[in-house]
C-alpha atoms as a PDB file:
ATOM      1  CA  MET A   1      22.272 114.534 163.109  1.00  0.00           C
ATOM      2  CA  LYS A   2      21.265 112.697 166.266  1.00  0.00           C
ATOM      3  CA  ALA A   3      23.647 110.082 167.605  1.00  0.00           C
ATOM      4  CA  GLY A   4      21.031 107.337 167.456  1.00  0.00           C
ATOM      5  CA  ALA A   5      20.379 107.930 163.753  1.00  0.00           C
ATOM      6  CA  TYR A   6      24.108 108.121 163.060  1.00  0.00           C
ATOM      7  CA  LEU A   7      24.794 104.809 164.782  1.00  0.00           C
ATOM      8  CA  ASP A   8      21.820 103.151 163.067  1.00  0.00           C
ATOM      9  CA  ALA A   9      23.240 104.251 159.716  1.00  0.00           C
ATOM     10  CA  LEU A  10      26.629 102.895 160.735  1.00  0.00           C
ATOM     11  CA  ARG A  11      25.160  99.517 161.663  1.00  0.00           C
ATOM     12  CA  ALA A  12      23.465  99.363 158.246  1.00  0.00           C
ATOM     13  CA  SER A  13      26.603 100.262 156.273  1.00  0.00           C
ATOM     14  CA  PRO A  14      27.625  98.010 153.360  1.00  0.00           C
ATOM     15  CA  VAL A  15      29.726  94.930 154.029  1.00  0.00           C
ATOM     16  CA  ALA A  16      33.311  94.992 152.792  1.00  0.00           C
ATOM     17  CA  ASN A  17      36.559  93.185 153.494  1.00  0.00           C
ATOM     18  CA  VAL A  18      39.912  94.485 154.658  1.00  0.00           C
ATOM     19  CA  ARG A  19      41.282  94.614 151.124  1.00  0.00           C
ATOM     20  CA  ASP A  20      38.323  96.751 150.006  1.00  0.00           C
ATOM     21  CA  LEU A  21      39.171  99.290 152.709  1.00  0.00           C
ATOM     22  CA  THR A  22      42.925  99.287 152.362  1.00  0.00           C
ATOM     23  CA  GLY A  23      43.746  98.119 148.849  1.00  0.00           C
ATOM     24  CA  GLY A  24      45.916  95.400 150.352  1.00  0.00           C
ATOM     25  CA  ARG A  25      48.575  97.897 151.450  1.00  0.00           C
ATOM     26  CA  PRO A  26      50.054  98.036 154.966  1.00  0.00           C
ATOM     27  CA  ILE A  27      47.875  99.475 157.723  1.00  0.00           C
ATOM     28  CA  VAL A  28      48.695 101.636 160.746  1.00  0.00           C
ATOM     29  CA  ILE A  29      46.209 101.624 163.629  1.00  0.00           C
ATOM     30  CA  LEU A  30      46.186 104.327 166.309  1.00  0.00           C
ATOM     31  CA  SER A  31      44.892 103.165 169.680  1.00  0.00           C
ATOM     32  CA  PRO A  32      44.363 105.876 172.323  1.00  0.00           C
ATOM     33  CA  HIS A  33      44.665 103.331 175.142  1.00  0.00           C
ATOM     34  CA  PRO A  34      46.114  99.832 175.464  1.00  0.00           C
ATOM     35  CA  ASP A  35      42.960  97.898 174.417  1.00  0.00           C
ATOM     36  CA  ASP A  36      41.139 100.148 171.928  1.00  0.00           C
ATOM     37  CA  GLU A  37      42.937  98.482 169.010  1.00  0.00           C
ATOM     38  CA  THR A  38      41.566  95.099 170.090  1.00  0.00           C
ATOM     39  CA  LEU A  39      38.039  96.292 170.824  1.00  0.00           C
ATOM     40  CA  GLY A  40      37.493  98.323 167.673  1.00  0.00           C
ATOM     41  CA  ALA A  41      39.740  96.654 165.116  1.00  0.00           C
ATOM     42  CA  GLY A  42      40.813  93.272 166.484  1.00  0.00           C
ATOM     43  CA  GLY A  43      39.010  91.365 163.758  1.00  0.00           C
ATOM     44  CA  LEU A  44      40.518  93.573 161.075  1.00  0.00           C
ATOM     45  CA  ILE A  45      43.983  92.994 162.542  1.00  0.00           C
ATOM     46  CA  ALA A  46      43.427  89.226 162.539  1.00  0.00           C
ATOM     47  CA  GLU A  47      42.122  89.265 158.954  1.00  0.00           C
ATOM     48  CA  ALA A  48      45.018  91.355 157.683  1.00  0.00           C
ATOM     49  CA  CYS A  49      47.643  89.278 159.488  1.00  0.00           C
ATOM     50  CA  ALA A  50      46.119  86.033 158.214  1.00  0.00           C
ATOM     51  CA  ALA A  51      46.320  87.405 154.665  1.00  0.00           C
ATOM     52  CA  GLY A  52      49.951  88.449 155.074  1.00  0.00           C
ATOM     53  CA  GLN A  53      49.067  92.140 155.029  1.00  0.00           C
ATOM     54  CA  ALA A  54      51.362  94.219 157.239  1.00  0.00           C
ATOM     55  CA  VAL A  55      49.831  95.913 160.287  1.00  0.00           C
ATOM     56  CA  GLU A  56      51.425  98.362 162.728  1.00  0.00           C
ATOM     57  CA  VAL A  57      49.714  99.391 165.973  1.00  0.00           C
ATOM     58  CA  VAL A  58      50.596 102.655 167.706  1.00  0.00           C
ATOM     59  CA  VAL A  59      49.342 102.949 171.301  1.00  0.00           C
ATOM     60  CA  VAL A  60      49.099 106.628 172.175  1.00  0.00           C
ATOM     61  CA  THR A  61      48.783 106.681 175.987  1.00  0.00           C
ATOM     62  CA  ASP A  62      50.332 104.681 178.796  1.00  0.00           C
ATOM     63  CA  GLY A  63      46.969 103.488 180.158  1.00  0.00           C
ATOM     64  CA  SER A  64      47.898 104.654 183.651  1.00  0.00           C
ATOM     65  CA  GLY A  65      44.525 106.253 184.330  1.00  0.00           C
ATOM     66  CA  SER A  66      42.491 103.071 184.672  1.00  0.00           C
ATOM     67  CA  HIS A  67      43.364 102.365 188.328  1.00  0.00           C
ATOM     68  CA  PRO A  68      44.939 105.552 189.724  1.00  0.00           C
ATOM     69  CA  ARG A  69      44.468 104.652 193.401  1.00  0.00           C
ATOM     70  CA  SER A  70      45.808 101.107 193.295  1.00  0.00           C
ATOM     71  CA  THR A  71      48.720 100.393 195.623  1.00  0.00           C
ATOM     72  CA  GLN A  72      48.982  96.845 194.333  1.00  0.00           C
ATOM     73  CA  TYR A  73      49.666  98.291 190.890  1.00  0.00           C
ATOM     74  CA  PRO A  74      51.365 101.694 191.226  1.00  0.00           C
ATOM     75  CA  LYS A  75      51.709 103.709 188.044  1.00  0.00           C
ATOM     76  CA  GLN A  76      54.749 102.111 186.395  1.00  0.00           C
ATOM     77  CA  LYS A  77      53.678  98.587 187.296  1.00  0.00           C
ATOM     78  CA  LEU A  78      50.246  99.308 185.825  1.00  0.00           C
ATOM     79  CA  VAL A  79      51.766 100.731 182.645  1.00  0.00           C
ATOM     80  CA  ASP A  80      54.015  97.674 182.288  1.00  0.00           C
ATOM     81  CA  LEU A  81      51.025  95.386 182.791  1.00  0.00           C
ATOM     82  CA  ARG A  82      48.906  97.159 180.213  1.00  0.00           C
ATOM     83  CA  TYR A  83      51.705  97.149 177.651  1.00  0.00           C
ATOM     84  CA  SER A  84      52.208  93.422 178.201  1.00  0.00           C
ATOM     85  CA  GLU A  85      48.476  92.911 177.676  1.00  0.00           C
ATOM     86  CA  VAL A  86      48.714  94.651 174.300  1.00  0.00           C
ATOM     87  CA  HIS A  87      51.516  92.276 173.304  1.00  0.00           C
ATOM     88  CA  GLU A  88      49.524  89.247 174.457  1.00  0.00           C
ATOM     89  CA  ALA A  89      46.421  90.436 172.625  1.00  0.00           C
ATOM     90  CA  GLY A  90      48.459  91.095 169.505  1.00  0.00           C
ATOM     91  CA  LEU A  91      49.834  87.556 169.532  1.00  0.00           C
ATOM     92  CA  ALA A  92      46.274  86.210 169.809  1.00  0.00           C
ATOM     93  CA  LEU A  93      45.447  88.163 166.642  1.00  0.00           C
ATOM     94  CA  GLY A  94      48.624  87.144 164.809  1.00  0.00           C
ATOM     95  CA  LEU A  95      50.441  90.453 165.350  1.00  0.00           C
ATOM     96  CA  PRO A  96      54.077  90.197 166.509  1.00  0.00           C
ATOM     97  CA  PRO A  97      55.304  92.464 169.335  1.00  0.00           C
ATOM     98  CA  ASP A  98      57.743  94.279 167.046  1.00  0.00           C
ATOM     99  CA  ARG A  99      54.765  95.686 165.124  1.00  0.00           C
ATOM    100  CA  ILE A 100      53.561  97.599 168.200  1.00  0.00           C
ATOM    101  CA  THR A 101      54.817 101.054 169.206  1.00  0.00           C
ATOM    102  CA  PHE A 102      54.018 102.814 172.491  1.00  0.00           C
ATOM    103  CA  LEU A 103      54.118 106.615 172.430  1.00  0.00           C
ATOM    104  CA  GLY A 104      53.754 106.717 176.226  1.00  0.00           C
ATOM    105  CA  LEU A 105      51.692 109.897 176.553  1.00  0.00           C
ATOM    106  CA  THR A 106      49.969 110.284 179.907  1.00  0.00           C
ATOM    107  CA  ASP A 107      46.477 108.803 180.060  1.00  0.00           C
ATOM    108  CA  THR A 108      43.749 111.528 179.815  1.00  0.00           C
ATOM    109  CA  LEU A 109      46.335 114.178 178.856  1.00  0.00           C
ATOM    110  CA  VAL A 110      46.840 113.703 175.114  1.00  0.00           C
ATOM    111  CA  PRO A 111      47.228 117.226 173.696  1.00  0.00           C
ATOM    112  CA  LYS A 112      45.404 118.610 170.666  1.00  0.00           C
ATOM    113  CA  SER A 113      48.136 121.125 169.845  1.00  0.00           C
ATOM    114  CA  GLY A 114      51.583 122.247 170.937  1.00  0.00           C
ATOM    115  CA  PRO A 115      55.061 120.694 170.995  1.00  0.00           C
ATOM    116  CA  GLN A 116      53.994 117.319 172.416  1.00  0.00           C
ATOM    117  CA  PHE A 117      51.241 117.063 169.794  1.00  0.00           C
ATOM    118  CA  ASP A 118      53.703 117.923 167.020  1.00  0.00           C
ATOM    119  CA  ALA A 119      56.210 115.350 168.286  1.00  0.00           C
ATOM    120  CA  ALA A 120      53.535 112.639 168.337  1.00  0.00           C
ATOM    121  CA  VAL A 121      52.423 113.548 164.816  1.00  0.00           C
ATOM    122  CA  LYS A 122      56.009 113.211 163.619  1.00  0.00           C
ATOM    123  CA  GLN A 123      56.420 109.813 165.294  1.00  0.00           C
ATOM    124  CA  ILE A 124      53.222 108.499 163.749  1.00  0.00           C
ATOM    125  CA  ALA A 125      54.024 109.938 160.322  1.00  0.00           C
ATOM    126  CA  ASP A 126      57.459 108.308 160.444  1.00  0.00           C
ATOM    127  CA  ILE A 127      55.832 104.929 161.141  1.00  0.00           C
ATOM    128  CA  VAL A 128      53.346 105.420 158.302  1.00  0.00           C
ATOM    129  CA  ARG A 129      56.118 106.290 155.863  1.00  0.00           C
ATOM    130  CA  ARG A 130      58.454 103.523 157.031  1.00  0.00           C
ATOM    131  CA  SER A 131      55.740 100.891 156.754  1.00  0.00           C
ATOM    132  CA  GLY A 132      54.461 102.106 153.401  1.00  0.00           C
ATOM    133  CA  ALA A 133      50.951 102.220 154.854  1.00  0.00           C
ATOM    134  CA  GLY A 134      48.101 103.279 152.637  1.00  0.00           C
ATOM    135  CA  SER A 135      45.558 103.491 155.469  1.00  0.00           C
ATOM    136  CA  LEU A 136      45.561 104.994 158.954  1.00  0.00           C
ATOM    137  CA  LEU A 137      42.858 103.918 161.411  1.00  0.00           C
ATOM    138  CA  VAL A 138      41.954 105.767 164.603  1.00  0.00           C
ATOM    139  CA  THR A 139      39.101 105.974 167.071  1.00  0.00           C
ATOM    140  CA  TRP A 140      36.033 107.952 166.018  1.00  0.00           C
ATOM    141  CA  GLU A 141      36.177 111.707 166.531  1.00  0.00           C
ATOM    142  CA  GLY A 142      32.687 111.462 168.057  1.00  0.00           C
ATOM    143  CA  ASP A 143      33.842 109.201 170.884  1.00  0.00           C
ATOM    144  CA  PRO A 144      33.104 111.031 174.153  1.00  0.00           C
ATOM    145  CA  HIS A 145      36.605 110.683 175.608  1.00  0.00           C
ATOM    146  CA  CYS A 146      39.308 113.338 175.556  1.00  0.00           C
ATOM    147  CA  ASP A 147      42.089 110.962 174.475  1.00  0.00           C
ATOM    148  CA  HIS A 148      39.980 109.560 171.643  1.00  0.00           C
ATOM    149  CA  GLU A 149      39.176 113.047 170.395  1.00  0.00           C
ATOM    150  CA  ALA A 150      42.846 114.043 170.583  1.00  0.00           C
ATOM    151  CA  SER A 151      43.954 110.850 168.830  1.00  0.00           C
ATOM    152  CA  ALA A 152      41.560 111.632 165.980  1.00  0.00           C
ATOM    153  CA  GLU A 153      43.215 115.050 165.703  1.00  0.00           C
ATOM    154  CA  LEU A 154      46.647 113.401 165.604  1.00  0.00           C
ATOM    155  CA  ALA A 155      45.488 111.145 162.786  1.00  0.00           C
ATOM    156  CA  LYS A 156      44.053 114.038 160.793  1.00  0.00           C
ATOM    157  CA  ALA A 157      47.335 115.919 161.133  1.00  0.00           C
ATOM    158  CA  VAL A 158      49.274 112.888 159.885  1.00  0.00           C
ATOM    159  CA  ALA A 159      46.886 112.388 156.970  1.00  0.00           C
ATOM    160  CA  GLY A 160      47.374 116.033 156.033  1.00  0.00           C
ATOM    161  CA  MET A 161      51.118 115.426 155.736  1.00  0.00           C
ATOM    162  CA  ILE A 162      51.016 112.280 153.593  1.00  0.00           C
ATOM    163  CA  PRO A 163      49.260 112.563 150.216  1.00  0.00           C
ATOM    164  CA  GLY A 164      47.013 109.639 149.367  1.00  0.00           C
ATOM    165  CA  LEU A 165      46.823 108.247 152.902  1.00  0.00           C
ATOM    166  CA  LYS A 166      43.303 106.951 153.606  1.00  0.00           C
ATOM    167  CA  LEU A 167      41.911 107.804 157.030  1.00  0.00           C
ATOM    168  CA  TRP A 168      39.330 105.626 158.771  1.00  0.00           C
ATOM    169  CA  GLU A 169      37.742 105.903 162.219  1.00  0.00           C
ATOM    170  CA  TYR A 170      36.330 103.152 164.421  1.00  0.00           C
ATOM    171  CA  PRO A 171      33.909 103.863 167.299  1.00  0.00           C
ATOM    172  CA  ILE A 172      34.534 102.782 170.877  1.00  0.00           C
ATOM    173  CA  TRP A 173      32.676 104.874 173.462  1.00  0.00           C
ATOM    174  CA  GLY A 174      30.515 106.367 170.738  1.00  0.00           C
ATOM    175  CA  TRP A 175      28.433 103.188 170.795  1.00  0.00           C
ATOM    176  CA  HIS A 176      27.147 104.323 174.187  1.00  0.00           C
ATOM    177  CA  ALA A 177      26.250 107.880 173.171  1.00  0.00           C
ATOM    178  CA  GLU A 178      22.849 109.245 174.176  1.00  0.00           C
ATOM    179  CA  VAL A 179      20.589 108.544 171.212  1.00  0.00           C
ATOM    180  CA  ASP A 180      19.159 112.090 171.239  1.00  0.00           C
ATOM    181  CA  ALA A 181      22.555 113.792 171.435  1.00  0.00           C
ATOM    182  CA  GLU A 182      23.216 116.093 168.492  1.00  0.00           C
ATOM    183  CA  LEU A 183      26.346 115.367 166.462  1.00  0.00           C
ATOM    184  CA  ASP A 184      28.001 118.034 164.375  1.00  0.00           C
ATOM    185  CA  LEU A 185      28.853 115.416 161.768  1.00  0.00           C
ATOM    186  CA  PRO A 186      27.448 114.365 158.396  1.00  0.00           C
ATOM    187  CA  ALA A 187      25.887 110.950 157.905  1.00  0.00           C
ATOM    188  CA  PRO A 188      28.643 108.329 157.967  1.00  0.00           C
ATOM    189  CA  HIS A 189      30.267 107.072 154.786  1.00  0.00           C
ATOM    190  CA  ALA A 190      31.243 103.749 156.258  1.00  0.00           C
ATOM    191  CA  TRP A 191      31.774 100.045 155.789  1.00  0.00           C
ATOM    192  CA  ARG A 192      31.404  97.080 158.083  1.00  0.00           C
ATOM    193  CA  ILE A 193      33.707  94.102 158.002  1.00  0.00           C
ATOM    194  CA  ASP A 194      32.465  90.586 158.713  1.00  0.00           C
ATOM    195  CA  ILE A 195      34.939  89.232 161.262  1.00  0.00           C
ATOM    196  CA  SER A 196      33.008  86.090 162.195  1.00  0.00           C
ATOM    197  CA  ILE A 197      35.792  83.704 161.141  1.00  0.00           C
ATOM    198  CA  HIS A 198      38.201  85.615 163.405  1.00  0.00           C
ATOM    199  CA  ARG A 199      35.784  86.174 166.274  1.00  0.00           C
ATOM    200  CA  ALA A 200      37.355  83.529 168.527  1.00  0.00           C
ATOM    201  CA  ARG A 201      40.763  85.174 168.082  1.00  0.00           C
ATOM    202  CA  LYS A 202      39.291  88.559 168.905  1.00  0.00           C
ATOM    203  CA  LEU A 203      37.600  87.242 172.041  1.00  0.00           C
ATOM    204  CA  ALA A 204      40.905  85.731 173.171  1.00  0.00           C
ATOM    205  CA  ALA A 205      42.605  89.074 172.532  1.00  0.00           C
ATOM    206  CA  ILE A 206      39.958  90.898 174.565  1.00  0.00           C
ATOM    207  CA  GLU A 207      40.487  88.449 177.429  1.00  0.00           C
ATOM    208  CA  ALA A 208      44.209  89.239 177.303  1.00  0.00           C
ATOM    209  CA  HIS A 209      43.366  92.728 178.595  1.00  0.00           C
ATOM    210  CA  ALA A 210      42.647  91.242 182.016  1.00  0.00           C
ATOM    211  CA  SER A 211      43.250  94.492 183.911  1.00  0.00           C
ATOM    212  CA  GLN A 212      40.275  96.000 182.087  1.00  0.00           C
ATOM    213  CA  MET A 213      38.025  92.938 181.858  1.00  0.00           C
ATOM    214  CA  THR A 214      38.344  91.334 185.305  1.00  0.00           C
ATOM    215  CA  ASP A 215      38.951  92.138 188.960  1.00  0.00           C
ATOM    216  CA  LEU A 216      42.665  91.470 188.559  1.00  0.00           C
ATOM    217  CA  ILE A 217      43.292  94.881 190.153  1.00  0.00           C
ATOM    218  CA  SER A 218      40.959  94.837 193.125  1.00  0.00           C
ATOM    219  CA  ASP A 219      42.278  97.532 195.453  1.00  0.00           C
ATOM    220  CA  ASP A 220      41.025 100.662 193.679  1.00  0.00           C
ATOM    221  CA  PRO A 221      37.330 101.401 194.281  1.00  0.00           C
ATOM    222  CA  ASP A 222      37.436 103.944 191.451  1.00  0.00           C
ATOM    223  CA  GLY A 223      39.217 101.603 189.051  1.00  0.00           C
ATOM    224  CA  PHE A 224      37.833 100.955 185.598  1.00  0.00           C
ATOM    225  CA  ARG A 225      36.593  97.671 184.254  1.00  0.00           C
ATOM    226  CA  PHE A 226      34.239  96.717 181.474  1.00  0.00           C
ATOM    227  CA  ASN A 227      30.854  95.248 182.315  1.00  0.00           C
ATOM    228  CA  PRO A 228      28.672  93.151 179.991  1.00  0.00           C
ATOM    229  CA  GLU A 229      26.782  96.201 178.726  1.00  0.00           C
ATOM    230  CA  SER A 230      29.851  98.295 177.926  1.00  0.00           C
ATOM    231  CA  LEU A 231      31.630  95.354 176.295  1.00  0.00           C
ATOM    232  CA  ALA A 232      28.678  94.140 174.204  1.00  0.00           C
ATOM    233  CA  PRO A 233      29.290  96.292 171.071  1.00  0.00           C
ATOM    234  CA  PHE A 234      32.666  94.622 170.543  1.00  0.00           C
ATOM    235  CA  LEU A 235      31.612  90.983 170.769  1.00  0.00           C
ATOM    236  CA  GLY A 236      29.648  90.689 167.537  1.00  0.00           C
ATOM    237  CA  SER A 237      30.490  89.556 164.025  1.00  0.00           C
ATOM    238  CA  TYR A 238      31.120  92.998 162.517  1.00  0.00           C
ATOM    239  CA  GLU A 239      33.530  95.878 162.953  1.00  0.00           C
ATOM    240  CA  TYR A 240      32.723  99.338 161.635  1.00  0.00           C
ATOM    241  CA  PHE A 241      34.950 101.845 159.882  1.00  0.00           C
ATOM    242  CA  ILE A 242      34.019 105.403 158.923  1.00  0.00           C
ATOM    243  CA  GLU A 243      35.830 107.070 156.044  1.00  0.00           C
ATOM    244  CA  VAL A 244      37.219 110.503 156.861  1.00  0.00           C
ATOM    245  CA  ARG A 245      37.397 112.670 153.785  1.00  0.00           C
ATOM    246  CA  THR A 246      40.239 115.081 154.395  1.00  0.00           C
END
């Protein structure tokens, strides 16, 4: 299936609410980097928190790869900044800091197997069990980024350990896939959530990630920041969630 057709089908998916997806049970959200949770599921987080539904966010990497040549923000200072941005964004969405866990894996180096992978799976599974979560959300396996692909593998491993756990994926970089690219995936079985009443909260949460949205870190010519085109898919009134049938 071509990426363009897949994404068109995703955009046309039926409208649901958070309770339809999760049955009202607690939710755990895996975020490969400190901002993916806001971009792909910020409205869902706000909706769940407003309804009193428990949410836990697990940030997989330390986010240290966004500005590797900055002297103004050397690695640990950058990591601290990005973690603080996650906390600020969470508060904008109604999520307290104690509901956020940082695994601290190195940006761009999330493994897909081996001891570090197994340790991360155990950490995530422990959070799922402790929280009583019925749903685990993670970035789409079709996202063209190594950490997003690896995070999807982590989530699948966790889902394989916990009977009855629903697994959902949300696209980030997949929205920018080449329309003619071939995907080795079936047509999506997906839902979209209308987040319009929480859109202002989500926009405030996105703004909280200032290191990624502005020129706050200005001394790295290779540093990452969103531009209007790359940010556009996350500013609308819907968020999209693909069911993974394990």
